[in-house]
Amino acid sequence: MEKVEVKELLEAGVHFGHLTRKWNPNMAPYIYMERNGIHIINLYKTAAKIEETSEALAKIAASGKKILFVATKKQAKDIVAEKAGAVNQPFITERWPGGMLTNFVTIRKAVKKMAAIDRMKKDGTFNSLSKKERLQVNRLRAKLEKNLGSISDMTRLPGAIFVVDIMREHIAIKEAQKLNIPIFAMVDTNSDPREVDYLIPSNDDASKSIDKILSIVTSAIADGLNERKAERAEKDAKSQKGETKKDAKKEEKTEAKAKPAKKAEEAPVASQEEE
């Protein structure tokens, strides 16, 4: 896991909160001071929360569950797509599809529709359609890809969601709460930290701040995935050893059975010679 340096968080501007008049009183424990009408976040508390969050995310990744990243604000879109994609995790960077979690079956149907269009293009059915129909299908495919492309491989509900700006993504938060899905989030001074299970008090508006936090978080997820791979490799090696031992025992048993039979064959010959 990437080590959290307070100096690096400071350089990335993670400590800048919102205007004091926009603050949420529940964020008081994480605020260090007020400067020029802006709240300053206590970076030592941020560093501690990052470590706690990273540890929990690494465990979820190691268990084989997916972590859904949600960030539809302009300055976070590309960063989330890049970082989440690098560790093979699903992400939503366009409009949140209503019922994405609570009505997951319907969302899966839309993803299957996308796969069906791809099959049509491969088997030649697509070319048999009229020009107008082909245009409509292509438009539908582009729309589905834009909204659901990044979650096409997500066959079941995620093990957790990671949100950038919980006020903007309040629908995603509500859906996760209904289904008891753990919520991890970057929480700014204008938000209510009680909405999430694991918070990282940080500036959720600056791209440098978002980039820094996500780099640390995805590094921890990568560690969890590597741990899972190592465990699988160990299990495979053990099972192979077990199989070879079983084979060796079988061979020993067959050899042991074969030996008395040989002695029985040799016995009559010896008695004939004596006569």
C-alpha atoms as a PDB file:
ATOM      1  CA  MET A   1       0.000   0.000   0.000  1.00  0.00           C
ATOM      2  CA  GLU A   2       1.200   3.489  -0.883  1.00  0.00           C
ATOM      3  CA  LYS A   3       2.417   5.372   2.200  1.00  0.00           C
ATOM      4  CA  VAL A   4       0.432   8.510   3.055  1.00  0.00           C
ATOM      5  CA  GLU A   5       2.621  11.614   3.390  1.00  0.00           C
ATOM      6  CA  VAL A   6       0.982  14.715   4.881  1.00  0.00           C
ATOM      7  CA  LYS A   7       3.384  16.911   2.872  1.00  0.00           C
ATOM      8  CA  GLU A   8       2.156  15.381  -0.408  1.00  0.00           C
ATOM      9  CA  LEU A   9      -1.476  15.869   0.620  1.00  0.00           C
ATOM     10  CA  LEU A  10      -0.682  19.522   1.369  1.00  0.00           C
ATOM     11  CA  GLU A  11       0.975  20.011  -2.038  1.00  0.00           C
ATOM     12  CA  ALA A  12      -2.069  18.480  -3.763  1.00  0.00           C
ATOM     13  CA  GLY A  13      -4.385  20.966  -1.991  1.00  0.00           C
ATOM     14  CA  VAL A  14      -6.318  18.241  -0.160  1.00  0.00           C
ATOM     15  CA  HIS A  15      -6.669  20.574   2.863  1.00  0.00           C
ATOM     16  CA  PHE A  16      -8.842  23.233   1.184  1.00  0.00           C
ATOM     17  CA  GLY A  17     -12.469  23.002   2.304  1.00  0.00           C
ATOM     18  CA  HIS A  18     -15.514  25.086   1.332  1.00  0.00           C
ATOM     19  CA  LEU A  19     -16.529  28.560   2.419  1.00  0.00           C
ATOM     20  CA  THR A  20     -17.277  28.736   6.153  1.00  0.00           C
ATOM     21  CA  ARG A  21     -20.895  29.743   5.513  1.00  0.00           C
ATOM     22  CA  LYS A  22     -21.448  26.530   3.516  1.00  0.00           C
ATOM     23  CA  TRP A  23     -20.045  24.161   6.124  1.00  0.00           C
ATOM     24  CA  ASN A  24     -21.758  21.165   7.681  1.00  0.00           C
ATOM     25  CA  PRO A  25     -21.339  21.189  11.499  1.00  0.00           C
ATOM     26  CA  ASN A  26     -20.861  17.403  11.502  1.00  0.00           C
ATOM     27  CA  MET A  27     -17.512  17.947   9.776  1.00  0.00           C
ATOM     28  CA  ALA A  28     -16.227  19.982  12.759  1.00  0.00           C
ATOM     29  CA  PRO A  29     -13.948  17.156  14.094  1.00  0.00           C
ATOM     30  CA  TYR A  30     -12.029  17.154  10.797  1.00  0.00           C
ATOM     31  CA  ILE A  31     -11.580  20.930  10.444  1.00  0.00           C
ATOM     32  CA  TYR A  32      -8.252  22.378  11.600  1.00  0.00           C
ATOM     33  CA  MET A  33      -8.952  26.118  11.249  1.00  0.00           C
ATOM     34  CA  GLU A  34     -10.584  28.874   9.214  1.00  0.00           C
ATOM     35  CA  ARG A  35      -8.544  31.077   6.881  1.00  0.00           C
ATOM     36  CA  ASN A  36      -9.857  33.893   4.655  1.00  0.00           C
ATOM     37  CA  GLY A  37     -13.423  32.609   4.988  1.00  0.00           C
ATOM     38  CA  ILE A  38     -12.448  29.050   3.993  1.00  0.00           C
ATOM     39  CA  HIS A  39     -12.251  26.013   6.240  1.00  0.00           C
ATOM     40  CA  ILE A  40      -8.924  24.162   6.353  1.00  0.00           C
ATOM     41  CA  ILE A  41      -9.082  20.375   6.781  1.00  0.00           C
ATOM     42  CA  ASN A  42      -6.836  18.677   9.350  1.00  0.00           C
ATOM     43  CA  LEU A  43      -4.505  16.611   7.121  1.00  0.00           C
ATOM     44  CA  TYR A  44      -3.283  14.389   9.960  1.00  0.00           C
ATOM     45  CA  LYS A  45      -6.851  13.164  10.392  1.00  0.00           C
ATOM     46  CA  THR A  46      -7.154  12.813   6.613  1.00  0.00           C
ATOM     47  CA  ALA A  47      -3.998  10.655   6.518  1.00  0.00           C
ATOM     48  CA  ALA A  48      -5.352   8.422   9.311  1.00  0.00           C
ATOM     49  CA  LYS A  49      -8.694   8.018   7.505  1.00  0.00           C
ATOM     50  CA  ILE A  50      -6.946   7.226   4.196  1.00  0.00           C
ATOM     51  CA  GLU A  51      -5.045   4.383   5.873  1.00  0.00           C
ATOM     52  CA  GLU A  52      -8.240   3.027   7.453  1.00  0.00           C
ATOM     53  CA  THR A  53     -10.131   3.262   4.153  1.00  0.00           C
ATOM     54  CA  SER A  54      -7.310   1.718   2.114  1.00  0.00           C
ATOM     55  CA  GLU A  55      -7.083  -1.241   4.464  1.00  0.00           C
ATOM     56  CA  ALA A  56     -10.844  -1.915   4.203  1.00  0.00           C
ATOM     57  CA  LEU A  57     -10.826  -1.576   0.389  1.00  0.00           C
ATOM     58  CA  ALA A  58      -7.847  -3.934   0.079  1.00  0.00           C
ATOM     59  CA  LYS A  59      -9.788  -6.570   2.080  1.00  0.00           C
ATOM     60  CA  ILE A  60     -12.853  -6.215  -0.171  1.00  0.00           C
ATOM     61  CA  ALA A  61     -10.682  -6.524  -3.305  1.00  0.00           C
ATOM     62  CA  ALA A  62      -8.907  -9.572  -1.832  1.00  0.00           C
ATOM     63  CA  SER A  63     -12.311 -11.223  -1.218  1.00  0.00           C
ATOM     64  CA  GLY A  64     -13.027 -11.043  -4.962  1.00  0.00           C
ATOM     65  CA  LYS A  65     -15.809  -8.438  -4.805  1.00  0.00           C
ATOM     66  CA  LYS A  66     -15.903  -5.419  -7.116  1.00  0.00           C
ATOM     67  CA  ILE A  67     -15.740  -1.777  -5.953  1.00  0.00           C
ATOM     68  CA  LEU A  68     -17.906   0.619  -7.974  1.00  0.00           C
ATOM     69  CA  PHE A  69     -16.433   4.129  -8.380  1.00  0.00           C
ATOM     70  CA  VAL A  70     -18.913   6.985  -8.815  1.00  0.00           C
ATOM     71  CA  ALA A  71     -17.927  10.498  -9.951  1.00  0.00           C
ATOM     72  CA  THR A  72     -19.963  12.474 -12.479  1.00  0.00           C
ATOM     73  CA  LYS A  73     -18.437  15.920 -11.861  1.00  0.00           C
ATOM     74  CA  LYS A  74     -16.296  17.293 -14.677  1.00  0.00           C
ATOM     75  CA  GLN A  75     -12.975  17.527 -12.785  1.00  0.00           C
ATOM     76  CA  ALA A  76     -13.213  13.925 -11.511  1.00  0.00           C
ATOM     77  CA  LYS A  77     -14.524  12.017 -14.568  1.00  0.00           C
ATOM     78  CA  ASP A  78     -11.276  11.317 -16.417  1.00  0.00           C
ATOM     79  CA  ILE A  79      -9.290  10.659 -13.236  1.00  0.00           C
ATOM     80  CA  VAL A  80     -11.808   8.093 -11.972  1.00  0.00           C
ATOM     81  CA  ALA A  81     -12.039   6.381 -15.381  1.00  0.00           C
ATOM     82  CA  GLU A  82      -8.240   6.107 -15.557  1.00  0.00           C
ATOM     83  CA  LYS A  83      -7.570   5.013 -11.958  1.00  0.00           C
ATOM     84  CA  ALA A  84     -10.517   2.586 -11.625  1.00  0.00           C
ATOM     85  CA  GLY A  85      -9.845   1.153 -15.088  1.00  0.00           C
ATOM     86  CA  ALA A  86      -6.199   0.509 -14.169  1.00  0.00           C
ATOM     87  CA  VAL A  87      -7.259  -1.856 -11.354  1.00  0.00           C
ATOM     88  CA  ASN A  88     -10.104  -3.378 -13.400  1.00  0.00           C
ATOM     89  CA  GLN A  89     -12.933  -1.924 -11.266  1.00  0.00           C
ATOM     90  CA  PRO A  90     -16.305  -0.677 -12.618  1.00  0.00           C
ATOM     91  CA  PHE A  91     -17.069   3.056 -12.649  1.00  0.00           C
ATOM     92  CA  ILE A  92     -19.870   5.522 -13.408  1.00  0.00           C
ATOM     93  CA  THR A  93     -18.690   8.866 -14.809  1.00  0.00           C
ATOM     94  CA  GLU A  94     -21.784   9.893 -16.774  1.00  0.00           C
ATOM     95  CA  ARG A  95     -25.258  10.440 -15.313  1.00  0.00           C
ATOM     96  CA  TRP A  96     -26.095   7.956 -12.523  1.00  0.00           C
ATOM     97  CA  PRO A  97     -28.655   5.493 -13.989  1.00  0.00           C
ATOM     98  CA  GLY A  98     -31.602   5.517 -11.546  1.00  0.00           C
ATOM     99  CA  GLY A  99     -32.004   2.088  -9.972  1.00  0.00           C
ATOM    100  CA  MET A 100     -28.447   1.132 -10.848  1.00  0.00           C
ATOM    101  CA  LEU A 101     -28.215  -0.788  -7.557  1.00  0.00           C
ATOM    102  CA  THR A 102     -31.817  -1.157  -6.336  1.00  0.00           C
ATOM    103  CA  ASN A 103     -33.038  -2.311  -9.764  1.00  0.00           C
ATOM    104  CA  PHE A 104     -29.884  -4.112 -10.869  1.00  0.00           C
ATOM    105  CA  VAL A 105     -31.803  -6.767 -12.868  1.00  0.00           C
ATOM    106  CA  THR A 106     -33.093  -4.113 -15.302  1.00  0.00           C
ATOM    107  CA  ILE A 107     -29.617  -2.612 -15.676  1.00  0.00           C
ATOM    108  CA  ARG A 108     -28.261  -6.068 -16.502  1.00  0.00           C
ATOM    109  CA  LYS A 109     -30.942  -6.393 -19.207  1.00  0.00           C
ATOM    110  CA  ALA A 110     -29.656  -3.177 -20.800  1.00  0.00           C
ATOM    111  CA  VAL A 111     -26.092  -4.528 -20.698  1.00  0.00           C
ATOM    112  CA  LYS A 112     -27.287  -7.782 -22.330  1.00  0.00           C
ATOM    113  CA  LYS A 113     -28.968  -5.711 -25.034  1.00  0.00           C
ATOM    114  CA  MET A 114     -25.616  -4.089 -25.735  1.00  0.00           C
ATOM    115  CA  ALA A 115     -23.989  -7.534 -26.002  1.00  0.00           C
ATOM    116  CA  ALA A 116     -26.795  -8.682 -28.351  1.00  0.00           C
ATOM    117  CA  ILE A 117     -26.096  -5.747 -30.706  1.00  0.00           C
ATOM    118  CA  ASP A 118     -22.405  -6.703 -30.728  1.00  0.00           C
ATOM    119  CA  ARG A 119     -23.342 -10.294 -31.655  1.00  0.00           C
ATOM    120  CA  MET A 120     -25.557  -8.975 -34.500  1.00  0.00           C
ATOM    121  CA  LYS A 121     -22.554  -7.121 -35.902  1.00  0.00           C
ATOM    122  CA  LYS A 122     -20.350 -10.216 -35.687  1.00  0.00           C
ATOM    123  CA  ASP A 123     -22.751 -12.777 -37.216  1.00  0.00           C
ATOM    124  CA  GLY A 124     -23.816 -10.514 -40.095  1.00  0.00           C
ATOM    125  CA  THR A 125     -27.453  -9.955 -38.969  1.00  0.00           C
ATOM    126  CA  PHE A 126     -26.709  -6.236 -38.638  1.00  0.00           C
ATOM    127  CA  ASN A 127     -25.922  -5.910 -42.378  1.00  0.00           C
ATOM    128  CA  SER A 128     -29.321  -7.377 -43.316  1.00  0.00           C
ATOM    129  CA  LEU A 129     -31.106  -4.426 -41.626  1.00  0.00           C
ATOM    130  CA  SER A 130     -32.207  -1.343 -43.544  1.00  0.00           C
ATOM    131  CA  LYS A 131     -30.055   1.798 -43.437  1.00  0.00           C
ATOM    132  CA  LYS A 132     -32.498   3.520 -41.046  1.00  0.00           C
ATOM    133  CA  GLU A 133     -32.604   0.505 -38.683  1.00  0.00           C
ATOM    134  CA  ARG A 134     -28.807   0.269 -38.662  1.00  0.00           C
ATOM    135  CA  LEU A 135     -28.594   3.943 -37.719  1.00  0.00           C
ATOM    136  CA  GLN A 136     -31.098   3.467 -34.855  1.00  0.00           C
ATOM    137  CA  VAL A 137     -29.240   0.401 -33.540  1.00  0.00           C
ATOM    138  CA  ASN A 138     -25.911   2.243 -33.678  1.00  0.00           C
ATOM    139  CA  ARG A 139     -27.393   5.179 -31.757  1.00  0.00           C
ATOM    140  CA  LEU A 140     -28.810   2.845 -29.106  1.00  0.00           C
ATOM    141  CA  ARG A 141     -25.454   1.047 -28.815  1.00  0.00           C
ATOM    142  CA  ALA A 142     -23.585   4.368 -28.413  1.00  0.00           C
ATOM    143  CA  LYS A 143     -26.038   5.535 -25.730  1.00  0.00           C
ATOM    144  CA  LEU A 144     -25.743   2.272 -23.781  1.00  0.00           C
ATOM    145  CA  GLU A 145     -21.953   2.329 -24.090  1.00  0.00           C
ATOM    146  CA  LYS A 146     -21.792   5.892 -22.765  1.00  0.00           C
ATOM    147  CA  ASN A 147     -23.962   5.146 -19.718  1.00  0.00           C
ATOM    148  CA  LEU A 148     -23.164   1.504 -18.986  1.00  0.00           C
ATOM    149  CA  GLY A 149     -19.953   0.629 -20.834  1.00  0.00           C
ATOM    150  CA  SER A 150     -17.773   0.631 -17.750  1.00  0.00           C
ATOM    151  CA  ILE A 151     -20.094  -1.720 -15.826  1.00  0.00           C
ATOM    152  CA  SER A 152     -20.694  -4.249 -18.642  1.00  0.00           C
ATOM    153  CA  ASP A 153     -18.521  -6.828 -16.832  1.00  0.00           C
ATOM    154  CA  MET A 154     -20.279  -6.339 -13.473  1.00  0.00           C
ATOM    155  CA  THR A 155     -22.466  -9.440 -13.190  1.00  0.00           C
ATOM    156  CA  ARG A 156     -23.516  -8.880  -9.562  1.00  0.00           C
ATOM    157  CA  LEU A 157     -23.906  -6.051  -7.067  1.00  0.00           C
ATOM    158  CA  PRO A 158     -20.622  -4.455  -5.978  1.00  0.00           C
ATOM    159  CA  GLY A 159     -19.004  -5.210  -2.624  1.00  0.00           C
ATOM    160  CA  ALA A 160     -18.661  -1.456  -1.999  1.00  0.00           C
ATOM    161  CA  ILE A 161     -18.962   1.923  -3.708  1.00  0.00           C
ATOM    162  CA  PHE A 162     -16.421   4.759  -3.696  1.00  0.00           C
ATOM    163  CA  VAL A 163     -17.910   8.219  -4.227  1.00  0.00           C
ATOM    164  CA  VAL A 164     -16.338  11.576  -5.076  1.00  0.00           C
ATOM    165  CA  ASP A 165     -18.667  14.338  -3.752  1.00  0.00           C
ATOM    166  CA  ILE A 166     -21.502  12.734  -1.788  1.00  0.00           C
ATOM    167  CA  MET A 167     -23.797  15.744  -2.213  1.00  0.00           C
ATOM    168  CA  ARG A 168     -23.728  15.467  -5.993  1.00  0.00           C
ATOM    169  CA  GLU A 169     -24.075  11.663  -5.944  1.00  0.00           C
ATOM    170  CA  HIS A 170     -26.836  11.571  -3.304  1.00  0.00           C
ATOM    171  CA  ILE A 171     -28.972   9.114  -5.352  1.00  0.00           C
ATOM    172  CA  ALA A 172     -26.096   6.598  -5.459  1.00  0.00           C
ATOM    173  CA  ILE A 173     -25.615   7.043  -1.702  1.00  0.00           C
ATOM    174  CA  LYS A 174     -29.330   6.408  -0.996  1.00  0.00           C
ATOM    175  CA  GLU A 175     -29.396   3.264  -3.149  1.00  0.00           C
ATOM    176  CA  ALA A 176     -26.268   1.853  -1.474  1.00  0.00           C
ATOM    177  CA  GLN A 177     -27.749   2.603   1.960  1.00  0.00           C
ATOM    178  CA  LYS A 178     -30.953   0.692   1.077  1.00  0.00           C
ATOM    179  CA  LEU A 179     -28.947  -2.387   0.123  1.00  0.00           C
ATOM    180  CA  ASN A 180     -26.427  -2.078   2.991  1.00  0.00           C
ATOM    181  CA  ILE A 181     -23.531  -1.743   0.554  1.00  0.00           C
ATOM    182  CA  PRO A 182     -20.489  -0.167   2.313  1.00  0.00           C
ATOM    183  CA  ILE A 183     -19.937   3.444   1.194  1.00  0.00           C
ATOM    184  CA  PHE A 184     -16.442   4.926   0.881  1.00  0.00           C
ATOM    185  CA  ALA A 185     -16.143   8.597  -0.043  1.00  0.00           C
ATOM    186  CA  MET A 186     -14.138  11.782  -0.313  1.00  0.00           C
ATOM    187  CA  VAL A 187     -16.086  14.117   1.996  1.00  0.00           C
ATOM    188  CA  ASP A 188     -15.668  17.903   1.858  1.00  0.00           C
ATOM    189  CA  THR A 189     -16.551  20.398   4.634  1.00  0.00           C
ATOM    190  CA  ASN A 190     -20.010  21.083   3.129  1.00  0.00           C
ATOM    191  CA  SER A 191     -21.126  17.426   3.373  1.00  0.00           C
ATOM    192  CA  ASP A 192     -22.545  15.194   6.104  1.00  0.00           C
ATOM    193  CA  PRO A 193     -20.010  12.464   7.030  1.00  0.00           C
ATOM    194  CA  ARG A 194     -22.764  10.405   8.707  1.00  0.00           C
ATOM    195  CA  GLU A 195     -24.005   9.419   5.234  1.00  0.00           C
ATOM    196  CA  VAL A 196     -20.986   7.183   4.611  1.00  0.00           C
ATOM    197  CA  ASP A 197     -19.267   4.232   6.306  1.00  0.00           C
ATOM    198  CA  TYR A 198     -15.662   5.214   5.514  1.00  0.00           C
ATOM    199  CA  LEU A 199     -14.853   8.862   4.887  1.00  0.00           C
ATOM    200  CA  ILE A 200     -11.747  10.650   3.703  1.00  0.00           C
ATOM    201  CA  PRO A 201     -12.021  14.339   4.764  1.00  0.00           C
ATOM    202  CA  SER A 202     -10.667  16.087   1.672  1.00  0.00           C
ATOM    203  CA  ASN A 203     -11.116  18.654  -1.060  1.00  0.00           C
ATOM    204  CA  ASP A 204     -13.448  16.967  -3.590  1.00  0.00           C
ATOM    205  CA  ASP A 205     -13.401  19.851  -6.097  1.00  0.00           C
ATOM    206  CA  ALA A 206      -9.749  20.147  -7.185  1.00  0.00           C
ATOM    207  CA  SER A 207      -8.503  17.623  -9.742  1.00  0.00           C
ATOM    208  CA  LYS A 208      -5.052  17.437  -8.067  1.00  0.00           C
ATOM    209  CA  SER A 209      -6.649  16.506  -4.748  1.00  0.00           C
ATOM    210  CA  ILE A 210      -8.940  13.889  -6.360  1.00  0.00           C
ATOM    211  CA  ASP A 211      -5.989  12.429  -8.292  1.00  0.00           C
ATOM    212  CA  LYS A 212      -3.863  12.112  -5.144  1.00  0.00           C
ATOM    213  CA  ILE A 213      -6.561  10.404  -3.048  1.00  0.00           C
ATOM    214  CA  LEU A 214      -7.562   8.009  -5.837  1.00  0.00           C
ATOM    215  CA  SER A 215      -3.925   7.075  -6.519  1.00  0.00           C
ATOM    216  CA  ILE A 216      -3.526   5.934  -2.898  1.00  0.00           C
ATOM    217  CA  VAL A 217      -6.909   4.177  -2.797  1.00  0.00           C
ATOM    218  CA  THR A 218      -6.431   2.271  -6.089  1.00  0.00           C
ATOM    219  CA  SER A 219      -2.901   1.303  -5.016  1.00  0.00           C
ATOM    220  CA  ALA A 220      -4.442  -0.400  -1.957  1.00  0.00           C
ATOM    221  CA  ILE A 221      -7.014  -2.163  -4.182  1.00  0.00           C
ATOM    222  CA  ALA A 222      -4.181  -3.393  -6.428  1.00  0.00           C
ATOM    223  CA  ASP A 223      -2.459  -4.823  -3.332  1.00  0.00           C
ATOM    224  CA  GLY A 224      -5.676  -6.633  -2.382  1.00  0.00           C
ATOM    225  CA  LEU A 225      -5.979  -8.106  -5.890  1.00  0.00           C
ATOM    226  CA  ASN A 226      -2.336  -9.258  -5.826  1.00  0.00           C
ATOM    227  CA  GLU A 227      -2.935 -10.891  -2.447  1.00  0.00           C
ATOM    228  CA  ARG A 228      -5.916 -12.764  -3.936  1.00  0.00           C
ATOM    229  CA  LYS A 229      -3.788 -13.936  -6.891  1.00  0.00           C
ATOM    230  CA  ALA A 230      -1.045 -15.149  -4.535  1.00  0.00           C
ATOM    231  CA  GLU A 231      -3.592 -17.069  -2.414  1.00  0.00           C
ATOM    232  CA  ARG A 232      -5.080 -18.694  -5.523  1.00  0.00           C
ATOM    233  CA  ALA A 233      -1.625 -19.701  -6.788  1.00  0.00           C
ATOM    234  CA  GLU A 234      -0.822 -21.201  -3.364  1.00  0.00           C
ATOM    235  CA  LYS A 235      -4.095 -23.175  -3.336  1.00  0.00           C
ATOM    236  CA  ASP A 236      -3.461 -24.465  -6.864  1.00  0.00           C
ATOM    237  CA  ALA A 237       0.067 -25.528  -5.900  1.00  0.00           C
ATOM    238  CA  LYS A 238      -1.266 -27.343  -2.802  1.00  0.00           C
ATOM    239  CA  SER A 239      -3.999 -29.117  -4.765  1.00  0.00           C
ATOM    240  CA  GLN A 240      -1.442 -30.222  -7.382  1.00  0.00           C
ATOM    241  CA  LYS A 241       0.819 -31.562  -4.615  1.00  0.00           C
ATOM    242  CA  GLY A 242      -2.159 -33.396  -3.120  1.00  0.00           C
ATOM    243  CA  GLU A 243      -2.984 -34.964  -6.486  1.00  0.00           C
ATOM    244  CA  THR A 244       0.615 -36.122  -7.050  1.00  0.00           C
ATOM    245  CA  LYS A 245       0.680 -37.659  -3.551  1.00  0.00           C
ATOM    246  CA  LYS A 246      -2.600 -39.477  -4.260  1.00  0.00           C
ATOM    247  CA  ASP A 247      -1.203 -40.789  -7.563  1.00  0.00           C
ATOM    248  CA  ALA A 248       1.982 -41.965  -5.817  1.00  0.00           C
ATOM    249  CA  LYS A 249      -0.080 -43.783  -3.159  1.00  0.00           C
ATOM    250  CA  LYS A 250      -2.213 -45.450  -5.845  1.00  0.00           C
ATOM    251  CA  GLU A 251       0.908 -46.654  -7.641  1.00  0.00           C
ATOM    252  CA  GLU A 252       2.311 -48.030  -4.381  1.00  0.00           C
ATOM    253  CA  LYS A 253      -0.947 -49.894  -3.697  1.00  0.00           C
ATOM    254  CA  THR A 254      -1.055 -51.435  -7.180  1.00  0.00           C
ATOM    255  CA  GLU A 255       2.599 -52.485  -6.867  1.00  0.00           C
ATOM    256  CA  ALA A 256       1.910 -54.041  -3.446  1.00  0.00           C
ATOM    257  CA  LYS A 257      -1.028 -55.996  -4.888  1.00  0.00           C
ATOM    258  CA  ALA A 258       1.048 -57.177  -7.856  1.00  0.00           C
ATOM    259  CA  LYS A 259       3.951 -58.568  -5.743  1.00  0.00           C
ATOM    260  CA  PRO A 260       2.039 -61.442  -3.953  1.00  0.00           C
ATOM    261  CA  ALA A 261       0.611 -62.509  -7.295  1.00  0.00           C
ATOM    262  CA  LYS A 262       4.118 -62.951  -8.674  1.00  0.00           C
ATOM    263  CA  LYS A 263       5.142 -65.071  -5.643  1.00  0.00           C
ATOM    264  CA  ALA A 264       2.077 -67.260  -6.145  1.00  0.00           C
ATOM    265  CA  GLU A 265       3.111 -67.853  -9.760  1.00  0.00           C
ATOM    266  CA  GLU A 266       6.670 -68.770  -8.746  1.00  0.00           C
ATOM    267  CA  ALA A 267       5.609 -71.281  -6.012  1.00  0.00           C
ATOM    268  CA  PRO A 268       4.346 -74.152  -8.290  1.00  0.00           C
ATOM    269  CA  VAL A 269       7.540 -73.999 -10.387  1.00  0.00           C
ATOM    270  CA  ALA A 270       9.658 -74.512  -7.276  1.00  0.00           C
ATOM    271  CA  SER A 271       7.601 -77.528  -6.165  1.00  0.00           C
ATOM    272  CA  GLN A 272       7.977 -79.154  -9.610  1.00  0.00           C
ATOM    273  CA  GLU A 273      11.763 -78.880  -9.409  1.00  0.00           C
ATOM    274  CA  GLU A 274      11.733 -80.613  -5.998  1.00  0.00           C
ATOM    275  CA  GLU A 275       9.865 -83.582  -7.457  1.00  0.00           C
END
